[in-house]
PDB file of all heavy atoms in Angstrom:
ATOM      1  N   LYS A   1      57.022  78.032  44.381  1.00  0.00           N
ATOM      2  CA  LYS A   1      55.735  78.015  44.059  1.00  0.00           C
ATOM      3  C   LYS A   1      55.504  78.537  42.667  1.00  0.00           C
ATOM      4  O   LYS A   1      54.568  78.089  42.025  1.00  0.00           O
ATOM      5  CB  LYS A   1      54.908  78.770  45.012  1.00  0.00           C
ATOM      6  CG  LYS A   1      54.930  78.201  46.505  1.00  0.00           C
ATOM      7  CD  LYS A   1      54.156  79.203  47.383  1.00  0.00           C
ATOM      8  CE  LYS A   1      54.291  78.743  48.868  1.00  0.00           C
ATOM      9  NZ  LYS A   1      53.688  79.541  49.841  1.00  0.00           N
ATOM     10  N   VAL A   2      56.288  79.428  42.174  1.00  0.00           N
ATOM     11  CA  VAL A   2      56.141  79.935  40.839  1.00  0.00           C
ATOM     12  C   VAL A   2      56.702  78.865  39.873  1.00  0.00           C
ATOM     13  O   VAL A   2      56.093  78.728  38.751  1.00  0.00           O
ATOM     14  CB  VAL A   2      56.938  81.306  40.699  1.00  0.00           C
ATOM     15  CG1 VAL A   2      57.017  81.739  39.358  1.00  0.00           C
ATOM     16  CG2 VAL A   2      56.328  82.321  41.539  1.00  0.00           C
ATOM     17  N   ILE A   3      57.925  78.361  40.174  1.00  0.00           N
ATOM     18  CA  ILE A   3      58.628  77.504  39.141  1.00  0.00           C
ATOM     19  C   ILE A   3      58.023  76.139  38.978  1.00  0.00           C
ATOM     20  O   ILE A   3      57.907  75.688  37.868  1.00  0.00           O
ATOM     21  CB  ILE A   3      60.003  77.433  39.558  1.00  0.00           C
ATOM     22  CG1 ILE A   3      60.763  78.806  39.454  1.00  0.00           C
ATOM     23  CG2 ILE A   3      60.782  76.374  38.727  1.00  0.00           C
ATOM     24  CD1 ILE A   3      62.098  78.887  40.026  1.00  0.00           C
ATOM     25  N   ARG A   4      57.553  75.406  40.014  1.00  0.00           N
ATOM     26  CA  ARG A   4      57.099  74.097  39.988  1.00  0.00           C
ATOM     27  C   ARG A   4      55.993  73.889  38.916  1.00  0.00           C
ATOM     28  O   ARG A   4      56.061  72.874  38.167  1.00  0.00           O
ATOM     29  CB  ARG A   4      56.774  73.589  41.292  1.00  0.00           C
ATOM     30  CG  ARG A   4      57.953  73.189  42.271  1.00  0.00           C
ATOM     31  CD  ARG A   4      57.587  72.776  43.477  1.00  0.00           C
ATOM     32  NE  ARG A   4      58.639  72.527  44.471  1.00  0.00           N
ATOM     33  CZ  ARG A   4      58.611  72.704  45.862  1.00  0.00           C
ATOM     34  NH1 ARG A   4      57.502  73.103  46.404  1.00  0.00           N
ATOM     35  NH2 ARG A   4      59.675  72.433  46.589  1.00  0.00           N
ATOM     36  N   PRO A   5      54.940  74.691  38.912  1.00  0.00           N
ATOM     37  CA  PRO A   5      53.927  74.405  37.952  1.00  0.00           C
ATOM     38  C   PRO A   5      54.297  74.444  36.510  1.00  0.00           C
ATOM     39  O   PRO A   5      53.592  73.890  35.659  1.00  0.00           O
ATOM     40  CB  PRO A   5      52.849  75.523  38.352  1.00  0.00           C
ATOM     41  CG  PRO A   5      53.233  75.914  39.605  1.00  0.00           C
ATOM     42  CD  PRO A   5      54.757  75.761  39.829  1.00  0.00           C
ATOM     43  N   TYR A   6      55.380  75.112  36.192  1.00  0.00           N
ATOM     44  CA  TYR A   6      55.816  75.236  34.858  1.00  0.00           C
ATOM     45  C   TYR A   6      56.668  74.047  34.408  1.00  0.00           C
ATOM     46  O   TYR A   6      56.896  73.859  33.191  1.00  0.00           O
ATOM     47  CB  TYR A   6      56.555  76.534  34.624  1.00  0.00           C
ATOM     48  CG  TYR A   6      55.790  77.774  34.649  1.00  0.00           C
ATOM     49  CD1 TYR A   6      55.950  78.690  35.586  1.00  0.00           C
ATOM     50  CD2 TYR A   6      54.862  78.045  33.655  1.00  0.00           C
ATOM     51  CE1 TYR A   6      55.276  79.918  35.720  1.00  0.00           C
ATOM     52  CE2 TYR A   6      54.156  79.214  33.558  1.00  0.00           C
ATOM     53  CZ  TYR A   6      54.272  80.123  34.613  1.00  0.00           C
ATOM     54  OH  TYR A   6      53.630  81.284  34.540  1.00  0.00           O
ATOM     55  N   PHE A   7      57.220  73.289  35.380  1.00  0.00           N
ATOM     56  CA  PHE A   7      58.223  72.231  35.058  1.00  0.00           C
ATOM     57  C   PHE A   7      57.536  71.132  34.283  1.00  0.00           C
ATOM     58  O   PHE A   7      56.506  70.604  34.697  1.00  0.00           O
ATOM     59  CB  PHE A   7      58.803  71.637  36.256  1.00  0.00           C
ATOM     60  CG  PHE A   7      59.934  70.688  36.050  1.00  0.00           C
ATOM     61  CD1 PHE A   7      61.094  71.100  35.378  1.00  0.00           C
ATOM     62  CD2 PHE A   7      59.803  69.420  36.418  1.00  0.00           C
ATOM     63  CE1 PHE A   7      62.145  70.122  35.149  1.00  0.00           C
ATOM     64  CE2 PHE A   7      60.793  68.404  36.186  1.00  0.00           C
ATOM     65  CZ  PHE A   7      61.982  68.806  35.610  1.00  0.00           C
ATOM     66  N   ARG A   8      58.091  70.798  33.055  1.00  0.00           N
ATOM     67  CA  ARG A   8      57.601  69.739  32.203  1.00  0.00           C
ATOM     68  C   ARG A   8      56.250  70.018  31.715  1.00  0.00           C
ATOM     69  O   ARG A   8      55.580  69.024  31.336  1.00  0.00           O
ATOM     70  CB  ARG A   8      57.755  68.341  32.846  1.00  0.00           C
ATOM     71  CG  ARG A   8      59.194  67.907  33.114  1.00  0.00           C
ATOM     72  CD  ARG A   8      59.298  66.460  33.565  1.00  0.00           C
ATOM     73  NE  ARG A   8      60.670  66.115  33.855  1.00  0.00           N
ATOM     74  CZ  ARG A   8      61.144  65.188  34.669  1.00  0.00           C
ATOM     75  NH1 ARG A   8      60.276  64.217  35.165  1.00  0.00           N
ATOM     76  NH2 ARG A   8      62.444  64.877  34.729  1.00  0.00           N
ATOM     77  N   HIS A   9      55.954  71.224  31.569  1.00  0.00           N
ATOM     78  CA  HIS A   9      54.755  71.733  30.852  1.00  0.00           C
ATOM     79  C   HIS A   9      55.164  72.613  29.664  1.00  0.00           C
ATOM     80  O   HIS A   9      56.326  73.301  29.693  1.00  0.00           O
ATOM     81  CB  HIS A   9      53.729  72.480  31.657  1.00  0.00           C
ATOM     82  CG  HIS A   9      53.146  71.674  32.757  1.00  0.00           C
ATOM     83  ND1 HIS A   9      53.607  71.075  33.856  1.00  0.00           N
ATOM     84  CD2 HIS A   9      51.776  71.133  32.721  1.00  0.00           C
ATOM     85  CE1 HIS A   9      52.763  70.390  34.555  1.00  0.00           C
ATOM     86  NE2 HIS A   9      51.679  70.457  33.784  1.00  0.00           N
ATOM     87  N   SER A  10      54.456  72.715  28.635  1.00  0.00           N
ATOM     88  CA  SER A  10      54.921  73.519  27.497  1.00  0.00           C
ATOM     89  C   SER A  10      54.977  74.950  27.874  1.00  0.00           C
ATOM     90  O   SER A  10      54.040  75.616  28.381  1.00  0.00           O
ATOM     91  CB  SER A  10      53.718  73.320  26.397  1.00  0.00           C
ATOM     92  OG  SER A  10      54.139  74.112  25.235  1.00  0.00           O
ATOM     93  N   ILE A  11      56.215  75.442  27.661  1.00  0.00           N
ATOM     94  CA  ILE A  11      56.579  76.831  28.147  1.00  0.00           C
ATOM     95  C   ILE A  11      57.408  77.496  26.992  1.00  0.00           C
ATOM     96  O   ILE A  11      58.365  76.903  26.550  1.00  0.00           O
ATOM     97  CB  ILE A  11      57.242  76.849  29.456  1.00  0.00           C
ATOM     98  CG1 ILE A  11      57.412  78.377  29.900  1.00  0.00           C
ATOM     99  CG2 ILE A  11      58.519  76.186  29.567  1.00  0.00           C
ATOM    100  CD1 ILE A  11      57.698  78.451  31.331  1.00  0.00           C
ATOM    101  N   HIS A  12      57.066  78.648  26.520  1.00  0.00           N
ATOM    102  CA  HIS A  12      57.848  79.304  25.418  1.00  0.00           C
ATOM    103  C   HIS A  12      59.024  79.982  26.065  1.00  0.00           C
ATOM    104  O   HIS A  12      59.057  80.421  27.134  1.00  0.00           O
ATOM    105  CB  HIS A  12      56.978  80.328  24.867  1.00  0.00           C
ATOM    106  CG  HIS A  12      57.695  81.152  23.849  1.00  0.00           C
ATOM    107  ND1 HIS A  12      57.978  80.723  22.627  1.00  0.00           N
ATOM    108  CD2 HIS A  12      58.162  82.538  23.958  1.00  0.00           C
ATOM    109  CE1 HIS A  12      58.677  81.614  21.876  1.00  0.00           C
ATOM    110  NE2 HIS A  12      58.777  82.729  22.688  1.00  0.00           N
ATOM    111  N   ALA A  13      60.175  79.769  25.328  1.00  0.00           N
ATOM    112  CA  ALA A  13      61.479  80.325  25.668  1.00  0.00           C
ATOM    113  C   ALA A  13      61.871  81.422  24.763  1.00  0.00           C
ATOM    114  O   ALA A  13      61.931  81.135  23.426  1.00  0.00           O
ATOM    115  CB  ALA A  13      62.486  79.284  25.803  1.00  0.00           C
ATOM    116  N   ASP A  14      62.195  82.658  25.117  1.00  0.00           N
ATOM    117  CA  ASP A  14      62.764  83.671  24.240  1.00  0.00           C
ATOM    118  C   ASP A  14      64.222  83.599  24.385  1.00  0.00           C
ATOM    119  O   ASP A  14      64.688  83.177  25.280  1.00  0.00           O
ATOM    120  CB  ASP A  14      62.185  85.002  24.741  1.00  0.00           C
ATOM    121  CG  ASP A  14      60.638  85.173  24.619  1.00  0.00           C
ATOM    122  OD1 ASP A  14      60.185  84.824  23.656  1.00  0.00           O
ATOM    123  OD2 ASP A  14      60.165  85.717  25.628  1.00  0.00           O
ATOM    124  N   ASP A  15      64.893  84.065  23.225  1.00  0.00           N
ATOM    125  CA  ASP A  15      66.281  84.169  23.298  1.00  0.00           C
ATOM    126  C   ASP A  15      66.733  85.683  23.613  1.00  0.00           C
ATOM    127  O   ASP A  15      66.236  86.597  23.041  1.00  0.00           O
ATOM    128  CB  ASP A  15      66.820  83.881  21.782  1.00  0.00           C
ATOM    129  CG  ASP A  15      66.728  82.412  21.469  1.00  0.00           C
ATOM    130  OD1 ASP A  15      66.773  81.685  22.433  1.00  0.00           O
ATOM    131  OD2 ASP A  15      66.667  81.996  20.288  1.00  0.00           O
ATOM    132  N   LYS A  16      67.626  85.767  24.676  1.00  0.00           N
ATOM    133  CA  LYS A  16      68.165  86.991  25.056  1.00  0.00           C
ATOM    134  C   LYS A  16      69.157  87.508  24.128  1.00  0.00           C
ATOM    135  O   LYS A  16      69.639  86.813  23.138  1.00  0.00           O
ATOM    136  CB  LYS A  16      68.626  86.932  26.506  1.00  0.00           C
ATOM    137  CG  LYS A  16      67.400  86.695  27.441  1.00  0.00           C
ATOM    138  CD  LYS A  16      67.906  86.858  28.872  1.00  0.00           C
ATOM    139  CE  LYS A  16      68.780  85.698  29.329  1.00  0.00           C
ATOM    140  NZ  LYS A  16      69.005  85.890  30.820  1.00  0.00           N
ATOM    141  N   TYR A  17      69.791  88.638  24.463  1.00  0.00           N
ATOM    142  CA  TYR A  17      70.980  89.212  23.551  1.00  0.00           C
ATOM    143  C   TYR A  17      72.130  88.305  23.374  1.00  0.00           C
ATOM    144  O   TYR A  17      72.785  88.352  22.389  1.00  0.00           O
ATOM    145  CB  TYR A  17      71.441  90.649  24.177  1.00  0.00           C
ATOM    146  CG  TYR A  17      72.016  90.396  25.413  1.00  0.00           C
ATOM    147  CD1 TYR A  17      73.516  90.296  25.507  1.00  0.00           C
ATOM    148  CD2 TYR A  17      71.413  90.259  26.704  1.00  0.00           C
ATOM    149  CE1 TYR A  17      74.182  90.075  26.807  1.00  0.00           C
ATOM    150  CE2 TYR A  17      72.085  90.179  27.902  1.00  0.00           C
ATOM    151  CZ  TYR A  17      73.451  90.086  27.829  1.00  0.00           C
ATOM    152  OH  TYR A  17      74.167  89.952  28.953  1.00  0.00           O
ATOM    153  N   ASP A  18      72.364  87.503  24.331  1.00  0.00           N
ATOM    154  CA  ASP A  18      73.505  86.578  24.237  1.00  0.00           C
ATOM    155  C   ASP A  18      73.105  85.087  23.860  1.00  0.00           C
ATOM    156  O   ASP A  18      73.818  84.216  23.958  1.00  0.00           O
ATOM    157  CB  ASP A  18      74.185  86.413  25.689  1.00  0.00           C
ATOM    158  CG  ASP A  18      73.298  85.945  26.802  1.00  0.00           C
ATOM    159  OD1 ASP A  18      72.104  85.637  26.436  1.00  0.00           O
ATOM    160  OD2 ASP A  18      73.708  85.706  27.988  1.00  0.00           O
ATOM    161  N   GLU A  19      71.880  84.998  23.324  1.00  0.00           N
ATOM    162  CA  GLU A  19      71.328  83.815  22.807  1.00  0.00           C
ATOM    163  C   GLU A  19      70.935  82.869  23.876  1.00  0.00           C
ATOM    164  O   GLU A  19      70.634  81.643  23.520  1.00  0.00           O
ATOM    165  CB  GLU A  19      72.255  83.191  21.693  1.00  0.00           C
ATOM    166  CG  GLU A  19      72.429  84.162  20.617  1.00  0.00           C
ATOM    167  CD  GLU A  19      73.281  83.407  19.453  1.00  0.00           C
ATOM    168  OE1 GLU A  19      73.732  82.235  19.706  1.00  0.00           O
ATOM    169  OE2 GLU A  19      73.474  84.088  18.417  1.00  0.00           O
ATOM    170  N   SER A  20      71.071  83.124  25.122  1.00  0.00           N
ATOM    171  CA  SER A  20      70.551  82.262  26.175  1.00  0.00           C
ATOM    172  C   SER A  20      69.072  82.356  26.301  1.00  0.00           C
ATOM    173  O   SER A  20      68.500  83.418  26.096  1.00  0.00           O
ATOM    174  CB  SER A  20      71.325  82.578  27.568  1.00  0.00           C
ATOM    175  OG  SER A  20      70.968  83.910  28.017  1.00  0.00           O
ATOM    176  N   PRO A  21      68.529  81.189  26.669  1.00  0.00           N
ATOM    177  CA  PRO A  21      66.946  81.330  26.766  1.00  0.00           C
ATOM    178  C   PRO A  21      66.443  81.877  28.070  1.00  0.00           C
ATOM    179  O   PRO A  21      67.080  81.849  29.056  1.00  0.00           O
ATOM    180  CB  PRO A  21      66.580  79.835  26.690  1.00  0.00           C
ATOM    181  CG  PRO A  21      67.712  79.098  27.340  1.00  0.00           C
ATOM    182  CD  PRO A  21      68.907  79.909  26.939  1.00  0.00           C
ATOM    183  N   VAL A  22      65.214  82.360  28.042  1.00  0.00           N
ATOM    184  CA  VAL A  22      64.587  82.961  29.251  1.00  0.00           C
ATOM    185  C   VAL A  22      63.043  82.579  29.034  1.00  0.00           C
ATOM    186  O   VAL A  22      62.505  82.770  27.906  1.00  0.00           O
ATOM    187  CB  VAL A  22      64.847  84.461  29.390  1.00  0.00           C
ATOM    188  CG1 VAL A  22      64.213  85.196  28.333  1.00  0.00           C
ATOM    189  CG2 VAL A  22      64.222  84.950  30.790  1.00  0.00           C
ATOM    190  N   THR A  23      62.411  82.358  30.204  1.00  0.00           N
ATOM    191  CA  THR A  23      61.004  81.905  30.130  1.00  0.00           C
ATOM    192  C   THR A  23      60.197  82.890  31.095  1.00  0.00           C
ATOM    193  O   THR A  23      60.816  83.540  31.863  1.00  0.00           O
ATOM    194  CB  THR A  23      60.788  80.529  30.437  1.00  0.00           C
ATOM    195  OG1 THR A  23      61.159  80.280  31.904  1.00  0.00           O
ATOM    196  CG2 THR A  23      61.781  79.608  29.724  1.00  0.00           C
ATOM    197  N   LYS A  24      58.892  82.592  31.047  1.00  0.00           N
ATOM    198  CA  LYS A  24      58.052  83.241  31.973  1.00  0.00           C
ATOM    199  C   LYS A  24      58.304  82.912  33.418  1.00  0.00           C
ATOM    200  O   LYS A  24      58.148  83.607  34.292  1.00  0.00           O
ATOM    201  CB  LYS A  24      56.630  82.907  31.576  1.00  0.00           C
ATOM    202  CG  LYS A  24      55.564  83.646  32.337  1.00  0.00           C
ATOM    203  CD  LYS A  24      54.043  83.128  31.918  1.00  0.00           C
ATOM    204  CE  LYS A  24      52.940  83.907  32.557  1.00  0.00           C
ATOM    205  NZ  LYS A  24      51.609  83.462  32.100  1.00  0.00           N
ATOM    206  N   ALA A  25      58.755  81.620  33.545  1.00  0.00           N
ATOM    207  CA  ALA A  25      59.130  81.203  34.903  1.00  0.00           C
ATOM    208  C   ALA A  25      60.292  81.935  35.387  1.00  0.00           C
ATOM    209  O   ALA A  25      60.298  82.313  36.618  1.00  0.00           O
ATOM    210  CB  ALA A  25      59.381  79.574  34.843  1.00  0.00           C
ATOM    211  N   ASP A  26      61.371  82.134  34.621  1.00  0.00           N
ATOM    212  CA  ASP A  26      62.448  82.923  35.053  1.00  0.00           C
ATOM    213  C   ASP A  26      62.087  84.315  35.516  1.00  0.00           C
ATOM    214  O   ASP A  26      62.327  84.766  36.579  1.00  0.00           O
ATOM    215  CB  ASP A  26      63.524  83.090  33.875  1.00  0.00           C
ATOM    216  CG  ASP A  26      64.072  81.873  33.423  1.00  0.00           C
ATOM    217  OD1 ASP A  26      63.412  81.124  32.613  1.00  0.00           O
ATOM    218  OD2 ASP A  26      65.159  81.684  33.692  1.00  0.00           O
ATOM    219  N   ARG A  27      61.251  85.049  34.759  1.00  0.00           N
ATOM    220  CA  ARG A  27      60.817  86.311  35.001  1.00  0.00           C
ATOM    221  C   ARG A  27      60.005  86.474  36.278  1.00  0.00           C
ATOM    222  O   ARG A  27      60.149  87.330  37.088  1.00  0.00           O
ATOM    223  CB  ARG A  27      60.241  86.936  33.837  1.00  0.00           C
ATOM    224  CG  ARG A  27      61.069  87.088  32.525  1.00  0.00           C
ATOM    225  CD  ARG A  27      60.430  87.815  31.446  1.00  0.00           C
ATOM    226  NE  ARG A  27      61.142  88.012  30.262  1.00  0.00           N
ATOM    227  CZ  ARG A  27      60.962  87.317  29.094  1.00  0.00           C
ATOM    228  NH1 ARG A  27      59.914  86.435  28.948  1.00  0.00           N
ATOM    229  NH2 ARG A  27      61.717  87.510  28.106  1.00  0.00           N
ATOM    230  N   GLU A  28      58.964  85.606  36.252  1.00  0.00           N
ATOM    231  CA  GLU A  28      58.130  85.605  37.499  1.00  0.00           C
ATOM    232  C   GLU A  28      58.754  85.225  38.748  1.00  0.00           C
ATOM    233  O   GLU A  28      58.542  85.930  39.857  1.00  0.00           O
ATOM    234  CB  GLU A  28      56.949  84.679  37.235  1.00  0.00           C
ATOM    235  CG  GLU A  28      56.022  85.175  36.215  1.00  0.00           C
ATOM    236  CD  GLU A  28      54.715  84.331  36.001  1.00  0.00           C
ATOM    237  OE1 GLU A  28      54.587  83.268  36.735  1.00  0.00           O
ATOM    238  OE2 GLU A  28      53.968  84.518  35.135  1.00  0.00           O
ATOM    239  N   ALA A  29      59.662  84.319  38.671  1.00  0.00           N
ATOM    240  CA  ALA A  29      60.436  83.829  39.961  1.00  0.00           C
ATOM    241  C   ALA A  29      61.272  85.030  40.398  1.00  0.00           C
ATOM    242  O   ALA A  29      61.357  85.285  41.636  1.00  0.00           O
ATOM    243  CB  ALA A  29      61.260  82.612  39.606  1.00  0.00           C
ATOM    244  N   GLU A  30      61.979  85.735  39.464  1.00  0.00           N
ATOM    245  CA  GLU A  30      62.931  86.751  39.956  1.00  0.00           C
ATOM    246  C   GLU A  30      61.945  87.999  40.574  1.00  0.00           C
ATOM    247  O   GLU A  30      62.441  88.556  41.557  1.00  0.00           O
ATOM    248  CB  GLU A  30      63.726  87.307  38.930  1.00  0.00           C
ATOM    249  CG  GLU A  30      64.550  88.467  39.267  1.00  0.00           C
ATOM    250  CD  GLU A  30      65.745  88.784  38.367  1.00  0.00           C
ATOM    251  OE1 GLU A  30      66.255  87.989  37.638  1.00  0.00           O
ATOM    252  OE2 GLU A  30      66.101  90.030  38.334  1.00  0.00           O
ATOM    253  N   GLN A  31      60.894  88.278  40.047  1.00  0.00           N
ATOM    254  CA  GLN A  31      60.051  89.311  40.424  1.00  0.00           C
ATOM    255  C   GLN A  31      59.524  89.049  41.900  1.00  0.00           C
ATOM    256  O   GLN A  31      59.621  89.750  42.780  1.00  0.00           O
ATOM    257  CB  GLN A  31      58.840  89.430  39.529  1.00  0.00           C
ATOM    258  CG  GLN A  31      59.147  90.117  38.191  1.00  0.00           C
ATOM    259  CD  GLN A  31      57.903  90.187  37.257  1.00  0.00           C
ATOM    260  OE1 GLN A  31      56.930  89.303  37.381  1.00  0.00           O
ATOM    261  NE2 GLN A  31      57.829  91.170  36.429  1.00  0.00           N
ATOM    262  N   THR A  32      59.187  87.646  42.103  1.00  0.00           N
ATOM    263  CA  THR A  32      58.886  87.179  43.343  1.00  0.00           C
ATOM    264  C   THR A  32      59.978  87.332  44.474  1.00  0.00           C
ATOM    265  O   THR A  32      59.696  87.888  45.547  1.00  0.00           O
ATOM    266  CB  THR A  32      58.349  85.741  43.310  1.00  0.00           C
ATOM    267  OG1 THR A  32      57.200  85.645  42.556  1.00  0.00           O
ATOM    268  CG2 THR A  32      58.039  85.285  44.851  1.00  0.00           C
ATOM    269  N   ILE A  33      61.146  86.968  44.115  1.00  0.00           N
ATOM    270  CA  ILE A  33      62.261  87.062  45.052  1.00  0.00           C
ATOM    271  C   ILE A  33      62.588  88.547  45.250  1.00  0.00           C
ATOM    272  O   ILE A  33      62.822  88.887  46.473  1.00  0.00           O
ATOM    273  CB  ILE A  33      63.529  86.318  44.271  1.00  0.00           C
ATOM    274  CG1 ILE A  33      63.256  84.846  44.353  1.00  0.00           C
ATOM    275  CG2 ILE A  33      64.774  86.501  45.157  1.00  0.00           C
ATOM    276  CD1 ILE A  33      64.250  84.141  43.484  1.00  0.00           C
ATOM    277  N   ARG A  34      62.645  89.378  44.286  1.00  0.00           N
ATOM    278  CA  ARG A  34      62.994  90.725  44.374  1.00  0.00           C
ATOM    279  C   ARG A  34      61.925  91.454  45.347  1.00  0.00           C
ATOM    280  O   ARG A  34      62.398  92.261  46.178  1.00  0.00           O
ATOM    281  CB  ARG A  34      62.975  91.487  43.062  1.00  0.00           C
ATOM    282  CG  ARG A  34      64.030  91.043  42.228  1.00  0.00           C
ATOM    283  CD  ARG A  34      64.059  91.798  40.951  1.00  0.00           C
ATOM    284  NE  ARG A  34      64.668  93.081  40.964  1.00  0.00           N
ATOM    285  CZ  ARG A  34      65.989  93.313  40.420  1.00  0.00           C
ATOM    286  NH1 ARG A  34      66.611  92.419  39.828  1.00  0.00           N
ATOM    287  NH2 ARG A  34      66.459  94.548  40.532  1.00  0.00           N
ATOM    288  N   GLN A  35      60.698  91.108  45.156  1.00  0.00           N
ATOM    289  CA  GLN A  35      59.682  91.841  45.994  1.00  0.00           C
ATOM    290  C   GLN A  35      59.857  91.505  47.463  1.00  0.00           C
ATOM    291  O   GLN A  35      59.916  92.302  48.396  1.00  0.00           O
ATOM    292  CB  GLN A  35      58.318  91.297  45.610  1.00  0.00           C
ATOM    293  CG  GLN A  35      57.208  91.859  46.397  1.00  0.00           C
ATOM    294  CD  GLN A  35      55.740  91.438  45.869  1.00  0.00           C
ATOM    295  OE1 GLN A  35      55.730  90.573  45.015  1.00  0.00           O
ATOM    296  NE2 GLN A  35      54.728  91.976  46.500  1.00  0.00           N
ATOM    297  N   ILE A  36      60.270  90.260  47.786  1.00  0.00           N
ATOM    298  CA  ILE A  36      60.414  89.817  49.244  1.00  0.00           C
ATOM    299  C   ILE A  36      61.689  90.442  49.708  1.00  0.00           C
ATOM    300  O   ILE A  36      61.716  90.948  50.890  1.00  0.00           O
ATOM    301  CB  ILE A  36      60.497  88.301  49.339  1.00  0.00           C
ATOM    302  CG1 ILE A  36      59.092  87.777  49.082  1.00  0.00           C
ATOM    303  CG2 ILE A  36      60.962  87.911  50.756  1.00  0.00           C
ATOM    304  CD1 ILE A  36      58.862  86.241  48.924  1.00  0.00           C
ATOM    305  N   LEU A  37      62.746  90.450  49.051  1.00  0.00           N
ATOM    306  CA  LEU A  37      64.065  90.966  49.480  1.00  0.00           C
ATOM    307  C   LEU A  37      63.999  92.491  49.701  1.00  0.00           C
ATOM    308  O   LEU A  37      64.523  93.027  50.640  1.00  0.00           O
ATOM    309  CB  LEU A  37      65.240  90.615  48.483  1.00  0.00           C
ATOM    310  CG  LEU A  37      65.540  89.075  48.297  1.00  0.00           C
ATOM    311  CD1 LEU A  37      66.626  88.989  47.278  1.00  0.00           C
ATOM    312  CD2 LEU A  37      65.774  88.441  49.612  1.00  0.00           C
ATOM    313  N   LYS A  38      63.251  93.114  48.797  1.00  0.00           N
ATOM    314  CA  LYS A  38      63.197  94.572  48.872  1.00  0.00           C
ATOM    315  C   LYS A  38      62.232  94.930  50.266  1.00  0.00           C
ATOM    316  O   LYS A  38      62.521  95.947  50.863  1.00  0.00           O
ATOM    317  CB  LYS A  38      62.415  95.183  47.636  1.00  0.00           C
ATOM    318  CG  LYS A  38      63.377  95.375  46.548  1.00  0.00           C
ATOM    319  CD  LYS A  38      62.616  96.013  45.249  1.00  0.00           C
ATOM    320  CE  LYS A  38      63.497  96.210  44.176  1.00  0.00           C
ATOM    321  NZ  LYS A  38      62.826  96.954  43.004  1.00  0.00           N
ATOM    322  N   GLN A  39      61.326  94.230  50.422  1.00  0.00           N
ATOM    323  CA  GLN A  39      60.419  94.249  51.604  1.00  0.00           C
ATOM    324  C   GLN A  39      61.213  94.143  52.844  1.00  0.00           C
ATOM    325  O   GLN A  39      60.964  94.881  53.879  1.00  0.00           O
ATOM    326  CB  GLN A  39      59.251  93.479  51.515  1.00  0.00           C
ATOM    327  CG  GLN A  39      58.275  93.531  52.604  1.00  0.00           C
ATOM    328  CD  GLN A  39      57.062  92.600  52.529  1.00  0.00           C
ATOM    329  OE1 GLN A  39      56.760  92.118  51.484  1.00  0.00           O
ATOM    330  NE2 GLN A  39      56.460  92.246  53.746  1.00  0.00           N
ATOM    331  N   GLU A  40      62.040  93.124  52.905  1.00  0.00           N
ATOM    332  CA  GLU A  40      62.687  92.753  54.264  1.00  0.00           C
ATOM    333  C   GLU A  40      64.037  93.482  54.384  1.00  0.00           C
ATOM    334  O   GLU A  40      64.341  93.771  55.571  1.00  0.00           O
ATOM    335  CB  GLU A  40      62.999  91.179  54.160  1.00  0.00           C
ATOM    336  CG  GLU A  40      61.755  90.376  54.097  1.00  0.00           C
ATOM    337  CD  GLU A  40      60.950  90.351  55.467  1.00  0.00           C
ATOM    338  OE1 GLU A  40      61.580  90.805  56.370  1.00  0.00           O
ATOM    339  OE2 GLU A  40      59.745  90.133  55.391  1.00  0.00           O
TER     340      GLU A  40
END
C-alpha cells in the first residue's frame, strides 16, 4: 500500500554512502514492515 502509489510517479532518489539510490518509498515501506514485525 505504501509502494504502489509511488510507482511510475515522479519520486526523488538520494544516493547512499555506497552510491546506491534510496527513495521515500524505500524508507516508508521499511518503517511500515518494522512496525508490524515489532508488534507481532
